[in-house]
Amino acid sequence: MIKKVNLKSELLKYIVVLMSGTFLAQVLTYIFAPIISRLYTPEDFGDLAIFMRLVSVGAAIATLRYEPSLPIVKGDAQSFRLYRFALRSTIIVTIVSLIVIIVPAALSKDVNEALYYVLLPVALLFMAIYNIGTNWAIRHKMFRVISYTKVANNLSAGLLKIGLGWLKMGYIGLVIGTVAGLGLSTIWFVRDFFTAKKKYRIKSKSPGNYILAKEHKDYPLINLPHAAMDLGRDLLIAVLILELFSKADLGLYDYSYKMLRFPLVLAGMAIGQVFLQRCAEKVNNNEDIVPMITKAVKSLMVLSIIPFATVFFFGEEIFAFVFGEEWRGAGRFSEIMAPWFLVNFIASPISTLPLILNKQRVFFKLGMIGTTLMIGTMSIPPLVYNASVETTLWIVSCTQAGYLVFVIFKKFEFARKHNVG
């Protein structure tokens, strides 16, 4: 009984640490947002949306998606071998992307466009290091470090965006601010990497790294395609909105998307990162994980009601008042997408469950269904029925909410089967 109480208190402590850092980071974002929204246009945010989606896809490919394995693999030395392998792969991909980007950068019409291209591989490198470092920190329960990186990212990015917006830099100001924030947030992880390097003394070209990477080949063979599919879907959706509607609609969509992710980032991801570490421990010790899953989902159901209901009924007025009249459309999009993000928020802490239970193949297939469903609902209504962007988003929101409910039930089903097994 004492052991059970201690586990709960430890779990609560980690969640509080992560949520406090995440909360401060998001408070900074919301303090800066009304200023930034008045310095840039929806079209500027449309350019940033494409940039960040390209970087996200590249970062996933760069690490071969080995980073989710770091908290799960048994043995710290083995985990660090995969860390080194993922980092080496990242450096290689970054160099190749720099070479590839030379041509479009050289053919650019102006300096801003050339800089836009050049910053793509730079941001890719920073994001990949951030993803790897975060998972290493999760393994070693360095949740305070994760909180520091979030605050540093949002603070530096926000201040720089405001400064460059005041100088009328346009979309490139948003891009530079975002990349700078990512770069600053990696400082803690780089420091921890060199500390671990001295401790384990494992070289980047050690044959053991490649052997261990081969043993965990499901990550690049299954998890990478799954992640690339999800991220590629987001990129394709952005391109579809850009082509079927307008760059302004893409900017409004992306802005509302970011604002709706606030509760997801604040509570869902914080709980999810702690959940990953503790659930992996329980699985490795052959303990029952269903109670932990049930508690996480129920807690987020309670937390989600008020914020998402408020957005659903008053999103348009809130956005217009806080961010400026130019962003009223983003508020309307937020009202439409609230049901989708509510379910996404509830499902967020158990998103890593397929990795822990080694069910990547099954959920890769489910992910393909979800991706196909989203692309279809985003493209068919406007192409076939000439639907407006709002009607299209209603269809996307309702179908994605239903799909995510189905996925939650499937994850519970596999968790129960694992306990029986």
Protein backbone atom coordinates (compact mmCIF):
# COMPACT_ATOMS: atom_id res chain seq x y z
CA MET A 1 0.00 0.00 0.00
CA ILE A 2 2.86 2.40 0.87
CA LYS A 3 4.52 1.69 -2.45
CA LYS A 4 1.31 2.54 -4.29
CA VAL A 5 1.00 5.90 -2.52
CA ASN A 6 4.64 6.78 -3.24
CA LEU A 7 4.19 6.01 -6.91
CA LYS A 8 1.19 8.31 -7.10
CA SER A 9 2.95 11.14 -5.33
CA GLU A 10 5.97 10.78 -7.60
CA LEU A 11 3.78 10.79 -10.68
CA LEU A 12 1.96 13.88 -9.42
CA LYS A 13 5.27 15.63 -8.73
CA TYR A 14 6.51 15.02 -12.28
CA ILE A 15 3.23 16.20 -13.80
CA VAL A 16 3.30 19.38 -11.70
CA VAL A 17 6.90 20.12 -12.76
CA LEU A 18 6.11 19.63 -16.43
CA MET A 19 2.82 21.48 -16.30
CA SER A 20 4.32 24.45 -14.45
CA GLY A 21 7.02 24.89 -17.10
CA THR A 22 4.58 24.26 -19.90
CA PHE A 23 2.08 26.64 -18.35
CA LEU A 24 4.66 29.43 -18.08
CA ALA A 25 5.74 28.82 -21.67
CA GLN A 26 2.16 28.98 -22.90
CA VAL A 27 1.40 32.06 -20.79
CA LEU A 28 4.31 33.77 -22.53
CA THR A 29 2.90 32.69 -25.88
CA TYR A 30 -0.50 34.14 -25.02
CA ILE A 31 1.00 37.35 -23.71
CA PHE A 32 2.89 37.80 -26.97
CA ALA A 33 0.09 36.57 -29.26
CA PRO A 34 -2.13 39.71 -29.25
CA ILE A 35 0.95 41.79 -30.10
CA ILE A 36 2.29 39.43 -32.77
CA SER A 37 -1.14 39.04 -34.40
CA ARG A 38 -1.26 42.80 -34.94
CA LEU A 39 2.24 42.90 -36.50
CA TYR A 40 1.71 40.12 -39.03
CA THR A 41 -1.05 39.15 -41.46
CA PRO A 42 -2.84 35.81 -41.90
CA GLU A 43 -0.83 35.46 -45.15
CA ASP A 44 2.42 35.71 -43.15
CA PHE A 45 1.24 32.91 -40.87
CA GLY A 46 0.35 30.90 -43.97
CA ASP A 47 4.02 31.01 -45.05
CA LEU A 48 5.11 30.00 -41.55
CA ALA A 49 2.63 27.10 -41.58
CA ILE A 50 4.19 25.59 -44.71
CA PHE A 51 7.70 26.15 -43.32
CA MET A 52 7.03 24.38 -40.02
CA ARG A 53 5.29 21.45 -41.66
CA LEU A 54 8.24 20.91 -43.99
CA VAL A 55 10.62 21.06 -41.02
CA SER A 56 8.53 18.60 -38.99
CA VAL A 57 8.56 16.03 -41.79
CA GLY A 58 12.31 16.50 -42.28
CA ALA A 59 13.07 16.16 -38.55
CA ALA A 60 11.15 12.87 -38.33
CA ILE A 61 13.06 11.48 -41.30
CA ALA A 62 16.38 12.76 -39.92
CA THR A 63 16.17 10.79 -36.65
CA LEU A 64 14.63 7.72 -38.34
CA ARG A 65 12.14 8.00 -35.45
CA TYR A 66 14.49 6.29 -33.01
CA GLU A 67 13.86 8.96 -30.36
CA PRO A 68 10.63 7.39 -28.97
CA SER A 69 12.68 4.29 -28.14
CA LEU A 70 14.99 6.14 -25.74
CA PRO A 71 12.66 6.04 -22.68
CA ILE A 72 11.58 2.47 -23.44
CA VAL A 73 14.79 0.50 -24.17
CA LYS A 74 16.14 -1.45 -21.19
CA GLY A 75 19.51 -0.16 -20.00
CA ASP A 76 20.81 3.41 -20.08
CA ALA A 77 23.88 2.50 -22.13
CA GLN A 78 21.72 0.84 -24.79
CA SER A 79 19.47 3.90 -24.85
CA PHE A 80 22.48 6.17 -25.35
CA ARG A 81 23.66 4.02 -28.26
CA LEU A 82 20.37 4.69 -30.00
CA TYR A 83 20.72 8.36 -29.04
CA ARG A 84 24.08 8.49 -30.84
CA PHE A 85 22.73 6.62 -33.85
CA ALA A 86 19.75 8.99 -34.19
CA LEU A 87 21.99 12.03 -33.80
CA ARG A 88 24.45 10.79 -36.43
CA SER A 89 21.57 10.18 -38.83
CA THR A 90 20.29 13.71 -38.13
CA ILE A 91 23.63 15.30 -38.99
CA ILE A 92 23.85 13.36 -42.26
CA VAL A 93 20.31 14.34 -43.30
CA THR A 94 20.97 17.98 -42.38
CA ILE A 95 24.08 18.10 -44.56
CA VAL A 96 22.23 16.49 -47.48
CA SER A 97 19.31 18.93 -47.11
CA LEU A 98 21.74 21.87 -47.11
CA ILE A 99 23.17 20.67 -50.40
CA VAL A 100 19.72 20.14 -51.91
CA ILE A 101 18.50 23.57 -50.81
CA ILE A 102 21.32 25.43 -52.56
CA VAL A 103 19.58 25.45 -55.96
CA PRO A 104 16.18 26.93 -54.91
CA ALA A 105 17.97 29.39 -52.61
CA ALA A 106 20.20 30.55 -55.47
CA LEU A 107 17.21 30.95 -57.79
CA SER A 108 15.16 32.91 -55.24
CA LYS A 109 13.60 36.21 -56.26
CA ASP A 110 14.74 38.11 -53.17
CA VAL A 111 16.81 37.80 -49.99
CA ASN A 112 13.84 36.86 -47.80
CA GLU A 113 12.91 33.94 -50.02
CA ALA A 114 16.52 32.72 -50.12
CA LEU A 115 16.73 32.95 -46.34
CA TYR A 116 13.45 31.04 -46.07
CA TYR A 117 15.03 28.10 -47.91
CA VAL A 118 18.35 28.23 -46.07
CA LEU A 119 16.64 28.19 -42.67
CA LEU A 120 14.78 24.96 -43.49
CA PRO A 121 17.72 22.58 -42.80
CA VAL A 122 18.80 24.71 -39.82
CA ALA A 123 15.36 24.39 -38.24
CA LEU A 124 15.33 20.68 -39.14
CA LEU A 125 18.54 20.15 -37.16
CA PHE A 126 17.27 22.07 -34.13
CA MET A 127 13.92 20.28 -34.08
CA ALA A 128 15.52 16.84 -34.41
CA ILE A 129 17.93 17.56 -31.53
CA TYR A 130 15.01 18.87 -29.47
CA ASN A 131 12.97 15.70 -30.10
CA ILE A 132 15.87 13.37 -29.28
CA GLY A 133 16.87 15.36 -26.19
CA THR A 134 13.31 15.47 -24.87
CA ASN A 135 12.99 11.69 -24.97
CA TRP A 136 16.39 11.24 -23.31
CA ALA A 137 15.27 13.63 -20.58
CA ILE A 138 12.02 11.68 -20.15
CA ARG A 139 14.01 8.49 -19.59
CA HIS A 140 16.05 10.10 -16.83
CA LYS A 141 13.08 11.96 -15.32
CA MET A 142 14.65 15.33 -16.12
CA PHE A 143 11.25 16.95 -16.47
CA ARG A 144 12.55 20.23 -15.12
CA VAL A 145 14.95 20.44 -18.07
CA ILE A 146 12.06 19.91 -20.48
CA SER A 147 10.22 22.77 -18.77
CA TYR A 148 13.25 25.07 -19.12
CA THR A 149 13.48 24.37 -22.85
CA LYS A 150 9.81 25.17 -23.39
CA VAL A 151 10.11 28.50 -21.60
CA ALA A 152 13.33 29.42 -23.41
CA ASN A 153 11.77 28.56 -26.77
CA ASN A 154 8.59 30.57 -26.31
CA LEU A 155 10.25 33.55 -24.63
CA SER A 156 13.01 34.02 -27.20
CA ALA A 157 10.80 33.28 -30.20
CA GLY A 158 8.07 35.65 -28.99
CA LEU A 159 10.41 38.56 -28.30
CA LEU A 160 12.21 38.17 -31.61
CA LYS A 161 8.98 37.95 -33.58
CA ILE A 162 7.77 41.15 -31.97
CA GLY A 163 11.04 42.94 -32.71
CA LEU A 164 11.17 41.79 -36.33
CA GLY A 165 7.46 42.51 -36.79
CA TRP A 166 8.00 46.05 -35.54
CA LEU A 167 10.73 46.34 -38.23
CA LYS A 168 8.15 45.25 -40.85
CA MET A 169 10.05 42.06 -41.76
CA GLY A 170 6.89 40.22 -42.78
CA TYR A 171 6.76 36.42 -42.95
CA ILE A 172 10.53 36.00 -42.68
CA GLY A 173 10.37 37.64 -39.24
CA LEU A 174 8.05 34.87 -38.06
CA VAL A 175 10.38 32.24 -39.53
CA ILE A 176 13.55 33.71 -37.99
CA GLY A 177 11.89 34.04 -34.58
CA THR A 178 10.66 30.44 -34.69
CA VAL A 179 14.05 29.02 -35.70
CA ALA A 180 15.88 31.09 -33.08
CA GLY A 181 13.54 29.82 -30.37
CA LEU A 182 14.14 26.23 -31.42
CA GLY A 183 17.89 26.78 -31.42
CA LEU A 184 17.97 28.28 -27.94
CA SER A 185 15.79 25.50 -26.52
CA THR A 186 18.32 22.84 -27.59
CA ILE A 187 21.11 24.26 -25.37
CA TRP A 188 20.10 22.17 -22.33
CA PHE A 189 19.86 19.00 -24.39
CA VAL A 190 23.26 19.56 -26.02
CA ARG A 191 24.78 20.01 -22.55
CA ASP A 192 23.13 16.79 -21.31
CA PHE A 193 24.38 14.95 -24.39
CA PHE A 194 28.02 15.81 -23.66
CA THR A 195 27.53 14.83 -20.02
CA ALA A 196 26.20 11.44 -21.10
CA LYS A 197 28.97 11.11 -23.68
CA LYS A 198 31.62 11.39 -20.95
CA LYS A 199 29.74 8.90 -18.76
CA TYR A 200 29.12 6.13 -21.30
CA ARG A 201 32.12 6.70 -23.60
CA ILE A 202 30.29 5.33 -26.64
CA LYS A 203 31.56 6.55 -30.00
CA SER A 204 29.20 7.61 -32.79
CA LYS A 205 30.64 4.95 -35.14
CA SER A 206 30.60 2.14 -32.57
CA PRO A 207 29.47 -1.15 -34.19
CA GLY A 208 27.24 -1.70 -31.16
CA ASN A 209 25.16 1.32 -32.15
CA TYR A 210 24.33 -0.21 -35.52
CA ILE A 211 23.64 -3.62 -34.02
CA LEU A 212 21.21 -2.15 -31.50
CA ALA A 213 19.59 0.01 -34.16
CA LYS A 214 19.02 -3.11 -36.26
CA GLU A 215 17.44 -4.88 -33.28
CA HIS A 216 14.97 -1.99 -33.01
CA LYS A 217 14.32 -1.68 -36.73
CA ASP A 218 10.56 -1.38 -36.15
CA TYR A 219 11.10 2.29 -35.40
CA PRO A 220 12.41 3.28 -38.85
CA LEU A 221 10.41 0.60 -40.67
CA ILE A 222 7.03 1.12 -38.98
CA ASN A 223 7.05 4.11 -36.64
CA LEU A 224 8.82 6.38 -39.14
CA PRO A 225 6.31 5.76 -41.94
CA HIS A 226 3.52 6.29 -39.40
CA ALA A 227 5.00 9.58 -38.19
CA ALA A 228 5.87 10.68 -41.73
CA MET A 229 2.32 9.86 -42.77
CA ASP A 230 0.84 11.98 -39.96
CA LEU A 231 3.22 14.88 -40.57
CA GLY A 232 2.93 14.54 -44.32
CA ARG A 233 -0.84 14.63 -43.93
CA ASP A 234 -0.56 17.94 -42.06
CA LEU A 235 1.65 19.29 -44.85
CA LEU A 236 -0.74 18.05 -47.53
CA ILE A 237 -3.72 19.57 -45.68
CA ALA A 238 -1.89 22.91 -45.59
CA VAL A 239 -1.19 22.68 -49.32
CA LEU A 240 -4.83 21.75 -50.03
CA ILE A 241 -6.12 24.75 -48.07
CA LEU A 242 -3.61 26.96 -49.87
CA GLU A 243 -4.65 25.68 -53.31
CA LEU A 244 -8.40 25.16 -52.78
CA PHE A 245 -9.03 28.31 -50.76
CA SER A 246 -6.33 30.94 -50.06
CA LYS A 247 -3.12 31.70 -48.17
CA ALA A 248 -5.16 33.84 -45.78
CA ASP A 249 -7.44 30.86 -45.02
CA LEU A 250 -4.35 28.75 -44.38
CA GLY A 251 -3.04 31.39 -41.98
CA LEU A 252 -6.37 31.55 -40.15
CA TYR A 253 -6.58 27.76 -39.97
CA ASP A 254 -3.02 27.45 -38.70
CA TYR A 255 -3.54 30.16 -36.08
CA SER A 256 -6.73 28.59 -34.76
CA TYR A 257 -4.99 25.19 -34.81
CA LYS A 258 -2.20 26.56 -32.60
CA MET A 259 -4.60 28.23 -30.19
CA LEU A 260 -6.70 25.07 -29.83
CA ARG A 261 -3.54 23.16 -28.99
CA PHE A 262 -3.08 25.27 -25.85
CA PRO A 263 -4.85 22.85 -23.46
CA LEU A 264 -3.30 19.95 -25.38
CA VAL A 265 0.20 21.32 -24.84
CA LEU A 266 -0.47 22.50 -21.30
CA ALA A 267 -1.96 19.35 -19.78
CA GLY A 268 -2.21 16.64 -22.42
CA MET A 269 1.45 16.54 -23.48
CA ALA A 270 2.77 17.14 -19.97
CA ILE A 271 0.73 14.23 -18.61
CA GLY A 272 1.58 12.21 -21.71
CA GLN A 273 5.35 12.59 -21.25
CA VAL A 274 5.14 11.45 -17.64
CA PHE A 275 2.70 8.72 -18.70
CA LEU A 276 5.22 7.40 -21.25
CA GLN A 277 7.98 7.05 -18.67
CA ARG A 278 5.80 5.47 -15.95
CA CYS A 279 3.83 3.22 -18.29
CA ALA A 280 7.07 1.90 -19.84
CA GLU A 281 8.28 1.04 -16.34
CA LYS A 282 5.06 -0.83 -15.56
CA VAL A 283 5.17 -2.79 -18.83
CA ASN A 284 8.81 -3.75 -18.23
CA ASN A 285 7.81 -4.93 -14.72
CA ASN A 286 4.73 -6.79 -16.06
CA GLU A 287 2.33 -4.60 -14.08
CA ASP A 288 -1.26 -3.72 -14.96
CA ILE A 289 -1.42 -0.48 -16.99
CA VAL A 290 -5.19 -0.22 -17.52
CA PRO A 291 -5.85 1.73 -14.27
CA MET A 292 -3.22 4.30 -15.25
CA ILE A 293 -4.72 4.68 -18.74
CA THR A 294 -8.25 4.98 -17.35
CA LYS A 295 -7.22 7.62 -14.83
CA ALA A 296 -5.39 9.69 -17.45
CA VAL A 297 -8.31 9.66 -19.88
CA LYS A 298 -10.93 10.42 -17.22
CA SER A 299 -8.85 13.30 -15.82
CA LEU A 300 -8.56 14.93 -19.22
CA MET A 301 -12.26 14.45 -19.92
CA VAL A 302 -13.02 16.57 -16.84
CA LEU A 303 -10.37 19.16 -17.69
CA SER A 304 -11.57 19.52 -21.29
CA ILE A 305 -15.24 20.45 -20.77
CA ILE A 306 -14.98 24.13 -19.82
CA PRO A 307 -12.22 25.35 -22.20
CA PHE A 308 -13.53 23.61 -25.31
CA ALA A 309 -17.17 24.49 -24.57
CA THR A 310 -16.12 28.14 -24.22
CA VAL A 311 -14.35 28.04 -27.57
CA PHE A 312 -17.25 26.24 -29.24
CA PHE A 313 -19.79 28.92 -28.24
CA PHE A 314 -17.69 32.09 -28.12
CA GLY A 315 -14.57 31.46 -30.21
CA GLU A 316 -15.29 34.10 -32.85
CA GLU A 317 -15.81 36.89 -30.33
CA ILE A 318 -12.81 35.86 -28.23
CA PHE A 319 -10.41 35.84 -31.19
CA ALA A 320 -11.64 39.17 -32.52
CA PHE A 321 -11.26 40.82 -29.11
CA VAL A 322 -7.89 39.30 -28.15
CA PHE A 323 -6.03 39.10 -31.45
CA GLY A 324 -7.74 41.80 -33.50
CA GLU A 325 -10.66 41.97 -35.90
CA GLU A 326 -8.50 40.54 -38.69
CA TRP A 327 -8.48 37.21 -36.81
CA ARG A 328 -12.25 36.81 -36.36
CA GLY A 329 -12.16 34.10 -39.03
CA ALA A 330 -9.66 32.10 -36.96
CA GLY A 331 -12.14 32.24 -34.09
CA ARG A 332 -14.87 30.86 -36.32
CA PHE A 333 -12.55 28.05 -37.44
CA SER A 334 -11.81 27.31 -33.77
CA GLU A 335 -15.52 26.95 -32.99
CA ILE A 336 -15.82 24.42 -35.80
CA MET A 337 -12.73 22.42 -34.81
CA ALA A 338 -13.46 22.39 -31.05
CA PRO A 339 -15.10 18.88 -31.03
CA TRP A 340 -12.14 17.42 -32.92
CA PHE A 341 -9.57 18.93 -30.55
CA LEU A 342 -11.57 18.01 -27.47
CA VAL A 343 -11.29 14.30 -28.32
CA ASN A 344 -7.68 14.78 -29.42
CA PHE A 345 -6.95 16.33 -26.01
CA ILE A 346 -8.52 13.39 -24.19
CA ALA A 347 -6.53 10.90 -26.29
CA SER A 348 -3.20 12.74 -26.01
CA PRO A 349 -1.66 11.01 -22.95
CA ILE A 350 -2.08 7.52 -24.44
CA SER A 351 -0.73 8.41 -27.88
CA THR A 352 2.55 6.60 -27.10
CA LEU A 353 0.83 3.40 -25.96
CA PRO A 354 1.38 1.55 -29.28
CA LEU A 355 5.15 2.04 -28.84
CA ILE A 356 5.12 0.71 -25.29
CA LEU A 357 2.97 -2.31 -26.22
CA ASN A 358 4.86 -2.90 -29.48
CA LYS A 359 1.69 -2.46 -31.55
CA GLN A 360 3.12 -0.03 -34.10
CA ARG A 361 2.02 -2.13 -37.07
CA VAL A 362 -1.64 -2.21 -36.05
CA PHE A 363 -1.81 1.49 -35.30
CA PHE A 364 0.09 2.33 -38.45
CA LYS A 365 -2.81 0.78 -40.36
CA LEU A 366 -5.30 2.71 -38.22
CA GLY A 367 -3.27 5.84 -38.88
CA MET A 368 -3.55 5.24 -42.61
CA ILE A 369 -7.33 5.12 -42.25
CA GLY A 370 -7.34 8.38 -40.29
CA THR A 371 -5.05 10.07 -42.80
CA THR A 372 -7.13 8.92 -45.76
CA LEU A 373 -10.29 10.08 -44.00
CA MET A 374 -8.89 13.53 -43.29
CA ILE A 375 -7.46 14.10 -46.75
CA GLY A 376 -10.70 12.90 -48.31
CA THR A 377 -12.93 15.11 -46.18
CA MET A 378 -10.67 18.10 -46.77
CA SER A 379 -10.49 17.72 -50.56
CA ILE A 380 -13.73 16.09 -51.81
CA PRO A 381 -16.28 18.64 -50.49
CA PRO A 382 -14.63 21.70 -52.13
CA LEU A 383 -13.59 19.86 -55.30
CA VAL A 384 -16.83 17.96 -55.95
CA TYR A 385 -19.49 20.03 -54.22
CA ASN A 386 -17.78 23.45 -54.23
CA ALA A 387 -18.10 23.58 -50.43
CA SER A 388 -16.84 26.60 -48.53
CA VAL A 389 -13.86 26.40 -46.18
CA GLU A 390 -16.20 26.47 -43.15
CA THR A 391 -18.41 23.64 -44.42
CA THR A 392 -15.31 21.61 -45.25
CA LEU A 393 -13.88 22.12 -41.76
CA TRP A 394 -17.18 21.01 -40.18
CA ILE A 395 -16.97 17.73 -42.07
CA VAL A 396 -13.30 17.28 -41.14
CA SER A 397 -13.91 18.08 -37.46
CA CYS A 398 -16.83 15.68 -37.01
CA THR A 399 -15.21 12.77 -38.84
CA GLN A 400 -11.88 13.19 -37.01
CA ALA A 401 -13.61 13.33 -33.63
CA GLY A 402 -15.40 10.06 -34.40
CA TYR A 403 -12.21 8.43 -35.65
CA LEU A 404 -10.26 9.42 -32.50
CA VAL A 405 -12.97 7.98 -30.24
CA PHE A 406 -12.60 4.69 -32.09
CA VAL A 407 -8.80 4.79 -31.65
CA ILE A 408 -9.13 5.37 -27.90
CA PHE A 409 -11.27 2.24 -27.54
CA LYS A 410 -8.78 0.22 -29.59
CA LYS A 411 -5.92 1.29 -27.30
CA PHE A 412 -7.88 0.19 -24.23
CA GLU A 413 -8.53 -3.12 -25.94
CA PHE A 414 -4.82 -3.77 -26.54
CA ALA A 415 -3.93 -2.68 -23.00
CA ARG A 416 -6.36 -5.24 -21.56
CA LYS A 417 -5.05 -7.99 -23.87
CA HIS A 418 -1.50 -7.17 -22.77
CA ASN A 419 -2.47 -7.64 -19.12
CA VAL A 420 -4.13 -10.97 -19.89
CA GLY A 421 -1.08 -12.08 -21.86
